[in-house]
């Protein structure tokens, strides 16, 4: 199960249900994908195919929707260990 946090301009921001505990989000658009750490700071864990401009857009979107993303993370992962 991969719950979606947000979908903007074809960029799908989502979580994998069974992965590590450190807060992060995955992003896909077409064949491109990235993983972004959300703590302790927002930073790129990996990027496969997105341009520098697209990564900038992704990071800015995460900052703009940070509360929504955190709320969805907390709701989805509450009680899961």
PDB file of N, CA and C in Angstrom:
ATOM      1  N   UNK A   1       0.841  -1.180   0.000  1.00  0.00           N
ATOM      2  CA  UNK A   1       0.000   0.000   0.000  1.00  0.00           C
ATOM      3  C   UNK A   1       0.885   1.242   0.000  1.00  0.00           C
ATOM      4  N   UNK A   2       0.579   2.177  -0.852  1.00  0.00           N
ATOM      5  CA  UNK A   2       1.336   3.413  -0.959  1.00  0.00           C
ATOM      6  C   UNK A   2       0.384   4.602  -0.890  1.00  0.00           C
ATOM      7  N   UNK A   3       0.098   5.083   0.304  1.00  0.00           N
ATOM      8  CA  UNK A   3      -0.848   6.186   0.408  1.00  0.00           C
ATOM      9  C   UNK A   3      -0.290   7.489  -0.167  1.00  0.00           C
ATOM     10  N   UNK A   4      -1.125   8.171  -0.905  1.00  0.00           N
ATOM     11  CA  UNK A   4      -0.742   9.434  -1.520  1.00  0.00           C
ATOM     12  C   UNK A   4      -0.896  10.557  -0.504  1.00  0.00           C
ATOM     13  N   UNK A   5       0.113  11.426  -0.460  1.00  0.00           N
ATOM     14  CA  UNK A   5       0.036  12.620   0.374  1.00  0.00           C
ATOM     15  C   UNK A   5      -0.542  13.767  -0.438  1.00  0.00           C
ATOM     16  N   UNK A   6       0.034  13.997  -1.631  1.00  0.00           N
ATOM     17  CA  UNK A   6      -0.467  15.038  -2.533  1.00  0.00           C
ATOM     18  C   UNK A   6      -0.145  14.659  -3.977  1.00  0.00           C
ATOM     19  N   UNK A   7      -0.908  15.229  -4.893  1.00  0.00           N
ATOM     20  CA  UNK A   7      -0.667  15.082  -6.335  1.00  0.00           C
ATOM     21  C   UNK A   7      -0.782  16.476  -6.930  1.00  0.00           C
ATOM     22  N   UNK A   8       0.328  16.952  -7.496  1.00  0.00           N
ATOM     23  CA  UNK A   8       0.372  18.306  -8.049  1.00  0.00           C
ATOM     24  C   UNK A   8       1.098  18.279  -9.385  1.00  0.00           C
ATOM     25  N   UNK A   9       0.429  18.782 -10.419  1.00  0.00           N
ATOM     26  CA  UNK A   9       1.028  18.878 -11.756  1.00  0.00           C
ATOM     27  C   UNK A   9       1.653  17.567 -12.217  1.00  0.00           C
ATOM     28  N   UNK A  10       1.037  16.450 -11.855  1.00  0.00           N
ATOM     29  CA  UNK A  10       1.538  15.145 -12.261  1.00  0.00           C
ATOM     30  C   UNK A  10       2.605  14.567 -11.349  1.00  0.00           C
ATOM     31  N   UNK A  11       3.043  15.326 -10.353  1.00  0.00           N
ATOM     32  CA  UNK A  11       4.018  14.842  -9.370  1.00  0.00           C
ATOM     33  C   UNK A  11       3.242  14.161  -8.245  1.00  0.00           C
ATOM     34  N   UNK A  12       3.501  12.877  -8.061  1.00  0.00           N
ATOM     35  CA  UNK A  12       2.807  12.083  -7.053  1.00  0.00           C
ATOM     36  C   UNK A  12       3.707  11.968  -5.821  1.00  0.00           C
ATOM     37  N   UNK A  13       3.277  12.526  -4.710  1.00  0.00           N
ATOM     38  CA  UNK A  13       4.005  12.494  -3.445  1.00  0.00           C
ATOM     39  C   UNK A  13       3.332  11.446  -2.572  1.00  0.00           C
ATOM     40  N   UNK A  14       4.079  10.411  -2.161  1.00  0.00           N
ATOM     41  CA  UNK A  14       3.452   9.292  -1.461  1.00  0.00           C
ATOM     42  C   UNK A  14       4.418   8.629  -0.499  1.00  0.00           C
ATOM     43  N   UNK A  15       3.869   7.739   0.337  1.00  0.00           N
ATOM     44  CA  UNK A  15       4.650   6.951   1.289  1.00  0.00           C
ATOM     45  C   UNK A  15       4.545   5.478   0.917  1.00  0.00           C
ATOM     46  N   UNK A  16       5.592   4.716   1.218  1.00  0.00           N
ATOM     47  CA  UNK A  16       5.496   3.261   1.193  1.00  0.00           C
ATOM     48  C   UNK A  16       5.128   2.825   2.599  1.00  0.00           C
ATOM     49  N   UNK A  17       4.242   1.857   2.713  1.00  0.00           N
ATOM     50  CA  UNK A  17       3.749   1.452   4.023  1.00  0.00           C
ATOM     51  C   UNK A  17       4.767   0.691   4.854  1.00  0.00           C
ATOM     52  N   UNK A  18       5.629  -0.042   4.232  1.00  0.00           N
ATOM     53  CA  UNK A  18       6.576  -0.871   4.999  1.00  0.00           C
ATOM     54  C   UNK A  18       7.999  -0.498   4.642  1.00  0.00           C
ATOM     55  N   UNK A  19       8.436   0.551   5.287  1.00  0.00           N
ATOM     56  CA  UNK A  19       9.783   1.034   5.027  1.00  0.00           C
ATOM     57  C   UNK A  19      10.367   1.568   6.322  1.00  0.00           C
ATOM     58  N   UNK A  20      11.506   2.202   6.244  1.00  0.00           N
ATOM     59  CA  UNK A  20      12.195   2.691   7.432  1.00  0.00           C
ATOM     60  C   UNK A  20      11.385   3.737   8.199  1.00  0.00           C
ATOM     61  N   UNK A  21      11.772   3.938   9.458  1.00  0.00           N
ATOM     62  CA  UNK A  21      11.023   4.835  10.339  1.00  0.00           C
ATOM     63  C   UNK A  21      11.331   6.309  10.130  1.00  0.00           C
ATOM     64  N   UNK A  22      12.511   6.644   9.611  1.00  0.00           N
ATOM     65  CA  UNK A  22      12.854   8.056   9.408  1.00  0.00           C
ATOM     66  C   UNK A  22      11.863   8.675   8.427  1.00  0.00           C
ATOM     67  N   UNK A  23      11.310   9.804   8.815  1.00  0.00           N
ATOM     68  CA  UNK A  23      10.251  10.436   8.022  1.00  0.00           C
ATOM     69  C   UNK A  23      10.786  10.891   6.664  1.00  0.00           C
ATOM     70  N   UNK A  24      10.105  10.459   5.605  1.00  0.00           N
ATOM     71  CA  UNK A  24      10.506  10.786   4.230  1.00  0.00           C
ATOM     72  C   UNK A  24       9.298  10.638   3.309  1.00  0.00           C
ATOM     73  N   UNK A  25       9.471  11.085   2.085  1.00  0.00           N
ATOM     74  CA  UNK A  25       8.404  10.972   1.095  1.00  0.00           C
ATOM     75  C   UNK A  25       9.013  10.612  -0.253  1.00  0.00           C
ATOM     76  N   UNK A  26       8.274   9.857  -1.030  1.00  0.00           N
ATOM     77  CA  UNK A  26       8.677   9.490  -2.386  1.00  0.00           C
ATOM     78  C   UNK A  26       7.904  10.339  -3.378  1.00  0.00           C
ATOM     79  N   UNK A  27       8.539  10.633  -4.503  1.00  0.00           N
ATOM     80  CA  UNK A  27       7.911  11.413  -5.554  1.00  0.00           C
ATOM     81  C   UNK A  27       8.147  10.698  -6.873  1.00  0.00           C
ATOM     82  N   UNK A  28       7.091  10.568  -7.659  1.00  0.00           N
ATOM     83  CA  UNK A  28       7.206   9.997  -8.999  1.00  0.00           C
ATOM     84  C   UNK A  28       6.467  10.878  -9.997  1.00  0.00           C
ATOM     85  N   UNK A  29       7.024  10.960 -11.168  1.00  0.00           N
ATOM     86  CA  UNK A  29       6.359  11.570 -12.323  1.00  0.00           C
ATOM     87  C   UNK A  29       6.948  10.894 -13.549  1.00  0.00           C
ATOM     88  N   UNK A  30       6.096  10.232 -14.308  1.00  0.00           N
ATOM     89  CA  UNK A  30       6.595   9.461 -15.448  1.00  0.00           C
ATOM     90  C   UNK A  30       7.552   8.391 -14.955  1.00  0.00           C
ATOM     91  N   UNK A  31       8.725   8.315 -15.587  1.00  0.00           N
ATOM     92  CA  UNK A  31       9.738   7.334 -15.189  1.00  0.00           C
ATOM     93  C   UNK A  31      10.692   7.863 -14.129  1.00  0.00           C
ATOM     94  N   UNK A  32      10.516   9.098 -13.704  1.00  0.00           N
ATOM     95  CA  UNK A  32      11.416   9.720 -12.734  1.00  0.00           C
ATOM     96  C   UNK A  32      10.927   9.472 -11.310  1.00  0.00           C
ATOM     97  N   UNK A  33      11.889   9.351 -10.403  1.00  0.00           N
ATOM     98  CA  UNK A  33      11.523   9.157  -9.003  1.00  0.00           C
ATOM     99  C   UNK A  33      12.587   9.763  -8.098  1.00  0.00           C
ATOM    100  N   UNK A  34      12.148  10.154  -6.918  1.00  0.00           N
ATOM    101  CA  UNK A  34      13.054  10.703  -5.913  1.00  0.00           C
ATOM    102  C   UNK A  34      12.523  10.345  -4.538  1.00  0.00           C
ATOM    103  N   UNK A  35      13.424  10.399  -3.577  1.00  0.00           N
ATOM    104  CA  UNK A  35      13.074  10.210  -2.170  1.00  0.00           C
ATOM    105  C   UNK A  35      13.636  11.411  -1.425  1.00  0.00           C
ATOM    106  N   UNK A  36      12.811  12.019  -0.603  1.00  0.00           N
ATOM    107  CA  UNK A  36      13.206  13.218   0.116  1.00  0.00           C
ATOM    108  C   UNK A  36      13.060  12.968   1.614  1.00  0.00           C
ATOM    109  N   UNK A  37      14.145  13.203   2.361  1.00  0.00           N
ATOM    110  CA  UNK A  37      14.084  13.134   3.813  1.00  0.00           C
ATOM    111  C   UNK A  37      13.289  14.338   4.309  1.00  0.00           C
ATOM    112  N   UNK A  38      12.461  14.134   5.301  1.00  0.00           N
ATOM    113  CA  UNK A  38      11.680  15.208   5.903  1.00  0.00           C
ATOM    114  C   UNK A  38      12.229  15.610   7.269  1.00  0.00           C
ATOM    115  N   UNK A  39      13.142  14.805   7.788  1.00  0.00           N
ATOM    116  CA  UNK A  39      13.768  15.113   9.067  1.00  0.00           C
ATOM    117  C   UNK A  39      15.176  14.573   9.101  1.00  0.00           C
ATOM    118  N   UNK A  40      16.123  15.130   9.789  1.00  0.00           N
ATOM    119  CA  UNK A  40      15.936  16.325  10.606  1.00  0.00           C
ATOM    120  C   UNK A  40      15.756  17.602   9.775  1.00  0.00           C
ATOM    121  N   UNK A  41      16.184  17.540   8.502  1.00  0.00           N
ATOM    122  CA  UNK A  41      15.932  18.655   7.581  1.00  0.00           C
ATOM    123  C   UNK A  41      15.397  18.077   6.275  1.00  0.00           C
ATOM    124  N   UNK A  42      14.764  18.914   5.483  1.00  0.00           N
ATOM    125  CA  UNK A  42      14.282  18.486   4.172  1.00  0.00           C
ATOM    126  C   UNK A  42      15.470  18.449   3.225  1.00  0.00           C
ATOM    127  N   UNK A  43      15.784  17.249   2.700  1.00  0.00           N
ATOM    128  CA  UNK A  43      16.913  17.095   1.780  1.00  0.00           C
ATOM    129  C   UNK A  43      16.700  15.874   0.892  1.00  0.00           C
ATOM    130  N   UNK A  44      17.349  15.866  -0.237  1.00  0.00           N
ATOM    131  CA  UNK A  44      17.223  14.782  -1.212  1.00  0.00           C
ATOM    132  C   UNK A  44      17.987  13.554  -0.730  1.00  0.00           C
ATOM    133  N   UNK A  45      17.292  12.429  -0.630  1.00  0.00           N
ATOM    134  CA  UNK A  45      17.931  11.149  -0.317  1.00  0.00           C
ATOM    135  C   UNK A  45      18.474  10.530  -1.604  1.00  0.00           C
ATOM    136  N   UNK A  46      17.638  10.533  -2.661  1.00  0.00           N
ATOM    137  CA  UNK A  46      18.096  10.122  -3.986  1.00  0.00           C
ATOM    138  C   UNK A  46      17.206  10.743  -5.045  1.00  0.00           C
ATOM    139  N   UNK A  47      17.747  10.824  -6.241  1.00  0.00           N
ATOM    140  CA  UNK A  47      17.029  11.381  -7.384  1.00  0.00           C
ATOM    141  C   UNK A  47      17.381  10.562  -8.613  1.00  0.00           C
ATOM    142  N   UNK A  48      16.386  10.033  -9.264  1.00  0.00           N
ATOM    143  CA  UNK A  48      16.586   9.270 -10.496  1.00  0.00           C
ATOM    144  C   UNK A  48      15.767   9.916 -11.610  1.00  0.00           C
ATOM    145  N   UNK A  49      16.379  10.868 -12.299  1.00  0.00           N
ATOM    146  CA  UNK A  49      15.778  11.404 -13.511  1.00  0.00           C
ATOM    147  C   UNK A  49      15.219  12.808 -13.463  1.00  0.00           C
ATOM    148  N   UNK A  50      14.967  13.354 -12.294  1.00  0.00           N
ATOM    149  CA  UNK A  50      14.439  14.714 -12.235  1.00  0.00           C
ATOM    150  C   UNK A  50      15.548  15.723 -12.500  1.00  0.00           C
ATOM    151  N   UNK A  51      15.211  16.804 -13.182  1.00  0.00           N
ATOM    152  CA  UNK A  51      16.175  17.879 -13.421  1.00  0.00           C
ATOM    153  C   UNK A  51      16.345  18.698 -12.141  1.00  0.00           C
ATOM    154  N   UNK A  52      17.366  19.538 -12.132  1.00  0.00           N
ATOM    155  CA  UNK A  52      17.597  20.428 -10.999  1.00  0.00           C
ATOM    156  C   UNK A  52      16.386  21.318 -10.769  1.00  0.00           C
ATOM    157  N   UNK A  53      15.799  21.807 -11.836  1.00  0.00           N
ATOM    158  CA  UNK A  53      14.607  22.654 -11.731  1.00  0.00           C
ATOM    159  C   UNK A  53      13.445  21.879 -11.108  1.00  0.00           C
ATOM    160  N   UNK A  54      13.251  20.634 -11.529  1.00  0.00           N
ATOM    161  CA  UNK A  54      12.175  19.811 -10.975  1.00  0.00           C
ATOM    162  C   UNK A  54      12.407  19.519  -9.490  1.00  0.00           C
ATOM    163  N   UNK A  55      13.647  19.239  -9.117  1.00  0.00           N
ATOM    164  CA  UNK A  55      13.952  19.006  -7.701  1.00  0.00           C
ATOM    165  C   UNK A  55      13.658  20.270  -6.901  1.00  0.00           C
ATOM    166  N   UNK A  56      13.978  21.422  -7.453  1.00  0.00           N
ATOM    167  CA  UNK A  56      13.637  22.678  -6.797  1.00  0.00           C
ATOM    168  C   UNK A  56      12.141  22.810  -6.577  1.00  0.00           C
ATOM    169  N   UNK A  57      11.363  22.461  -7.598  1.00  0.00           N
ATOM    170  CA  UNK A  57       9.910  22.491  -7.495  1.00  0.00           C
ATOM    171  C   UNK A  57       9.423  21.512  -6.421  1.00  0.00           C
ATOM    172  N   UNK A  58       9.989  20.320  -6.416  1.00  0.00           N
ATOM    173  CA  UNK A  58       9.610  19.295  -5.447  1.00  0.00           C
ATOM    174  C   UNK A  58       9.897  19.770  -4.021  1.00  0.00           C
ATOM    175  N   UNK A  59      11.092  20.294  -3.787  1.00  0.00           N
ATOM    176  CA  UNK A  59      11.456  20.763  -2.454  1.00  0.00           C
ATOM    177  C   UNK A  59      10.565  21.922  -2.012  1.00  0.00           C
ATOM    178  N   UNK A  60      10.272  22.828  -2.923  1.00  0.00           N
ATOM    179  CA  UNK A  60       9.402  23.959  -2.602  1.00  0.00           C
ATOM    180  C   UNK A  60       7.987  23.473  -2.288  1.00  0.00           C
ATOM    181  N   UNK A  61       7.507  22.507  -3.044  1.00  0.00           N
ATOM    182  CA  UNK A  61       6.175  21.951  -2.805  1.00  0.00           C
ATOM    183  C   UNK A  61       6.115  21.291  -1.433  1.00  0.00           C
ATOM    184  N   UNK A  62       7.150  20.549  -1.082  1.00  0.00           N
ATOM    185  CA  UNK A  62       7.189  19.896   0.234  1.00  0.00           C
ATOM    186  C   UNK A  62       7.142  20.954   1.336  1.00  0.00           C
ATOM    187  N   UNK A  63       7.887  22.019   1.173  1.00  0.00           N
ATOM    188  CA  UNK A  63       7.872  23.087   2.186  1.00  0.00           C
ATOM    189  C   UNK A  63       6.489  23.722   2.284  1.00  0.00           C
ATOM    190  N   UNK A  64       5.847  23.959   1.149  1.00  0.00           N
ATOM    191  CA  UNK A  64       4.515  24.571   1.146  1.00  0.00           C
ATOM    192  C   UNK A  64       3.456  23.661   1.765  1.00  0.00           C
ATOM    193  N   UNK A  65       3.593  22.358   1.572  1.00  0.00           N
ATOM    194  CA  UNK A  65       2.605  21.390   2.048  1.00  0.00           C
ATOM    195  C   UNK A  65       3.126  20.580   3.237  1.00  0.00           C
ATOM    196  N   UNK A  66       4.117  21.100   3.918  1.00  0.00           N
ATOM    197  CA  UNK A  66       4.767  20.353   4.996  1.00  0.00           C
ATOM    198  C   UNK A  66       3.769  19.878   6.059  1.00  0.00           C
ATOM    199  N   UNK A  67       2.855  20.735   6.472  1.00  0.00           N
ATOM    200  CA  UNK A  67       1.884  20.350   7.510  1.00  0.00           C
ATOM    201  C   UNK A  67       0.958  19.251   7.000  1.00  0.00           C
ATOM    202  N   UNK A  68       0.496  19.361   5.767  1.00  0.00           N
ATOM    203  CA  UNK A  68      -0.373  18.332   5.179  1.00  0.00           C
ATOM    204  C   UNK A  68       0.364  16.998   5.115  1.00  0.00           C
ATOM    205  N   UNK A  69       1.601  17.025   4.641  1.00  0.00           N
ATOM    206  CA  UNK A  69       2.402  15.803   4.522  1.00  0.00           C
ATOM    207  C   UNK A  69       2.622  15.180   5.897  1.00  0.00           C
ATOM    208  N   UNK A  70       3.002  16.001   6.886  1.00  0.00           N
ATOM    209  CA  UNK A  70       3.234  15.480   8.233  1.00  0.00           C
ATOM    210  C   UNK A  70       1.961  14.903   8.834  1.00  0.00           C
ATOM    211  N   UNK A  71       0.839  15.569   8.626  1.00  0.00           N
ATOM    212  CA  UNK A  71      -0.435  15.048   9.134  1.00  0.00           C
ATOM    213  C   UNK A  71      -0.772  13.703   8.501  1.00  0.00           C
ATOM    214  N   UNK A  72      -0.559  13.586   7.201  1.00  0.00           N
ATOM    215  CA  UNK A  72      -0.865  12.315   6.511  1.00  0.00           C
ATOM    216  C   UNK A  72       0.103  11.214   6.944  1.00  0.00           C
ATOM    217  N   UNK A  73       1.387  11.556   7.143  1.00  0.00           N
ATOM    218  CA  UNK A  73       2.369  10.594   7.658  1.00  0.00           C
ATOM    219  C   UNK A  73       1.900  10.079   9.024  1.00  0.00           C
ATOM    220  N   UNK A  74       1.609  11.028   9.920  1.00  0.00           N
ATOM    221  CA  UNK A  74       1.226  10.657  11.281  1.00  0.00           C
ATOM    222  C   UNK A  74      -0.052   9.819  11.303  1.00  0.00           C
ATOM    223  N   UNK A  75      -1.023  10.167  10.477  1.00  0.00           N
ATOM    224  CA  UNK A  75      -2.265   9.402  10.405  1.00  0.00           C
ATOM    225  C   UNK A  75      -2.003   7.992   9.880  1.00  0.00           C
ATOM    226  N   UNK A  76      -1.211   7.899   8.821  1.00  0.00           N
ATOM    227  CA  UNK A  76      -0.966   6.586   8.210  1.00  0.00           C
ATOM    228  C   UNK A  76      -0.125   5.676   9.101  1.00  0.00           C
ATOM    229  N   UNK A  77       0.893   6.234   9.719  1.00  0.00           N
ATOM    230  CA  UNK A  77       1.832   5.400  10.466  1.00  0.00           C
ATOM    231  C   UNK A  77       1.532   5.307  11.965  1.00  0.00           C
ATOM    232  N   UNK A  78       0.508   5.961  12.442  1.00  0.00           N
ATOM    233  CA  UNK A  78       0.184   5.870  13.860  1.00  0.00           C
ATOM    234  C   UNK A  78      -0.151   4.421  14.225  1.00  0.00           C
ATOM    235  N   UNK A  79       0.544   3.942  15.233  1.00  0.00           N
ATOM    236  CA  UNK A  79       0.294   2.576  15.691  1.00  0.00           C
ATOM    237  C   UNK A  79       0.983   1.498  14.892  1.00  0.00           C
ATOM    238  N   UNK A  80       1.681   1.848  13.787  1.00  0.00           N
ATOM    239  CA  UNK A  80       2.377   0.819  12.971  1.00  0.00           C
ATOM    240  C   UNK A  80       3.824   0.759  13.409  1.00  0.00           C
ATOM    241  N   UNK A  81       4.292  -0.415  13.720  1.00  0.00           N
ATOM    242  CA  UNK A  81       5.701  -0.621  14.086  1.00  0.00           C
ATOM    243  C   UNK A  81       6.198  -1.906  13.487  1.00  0.00           C
TER     244      UNK A  81
END
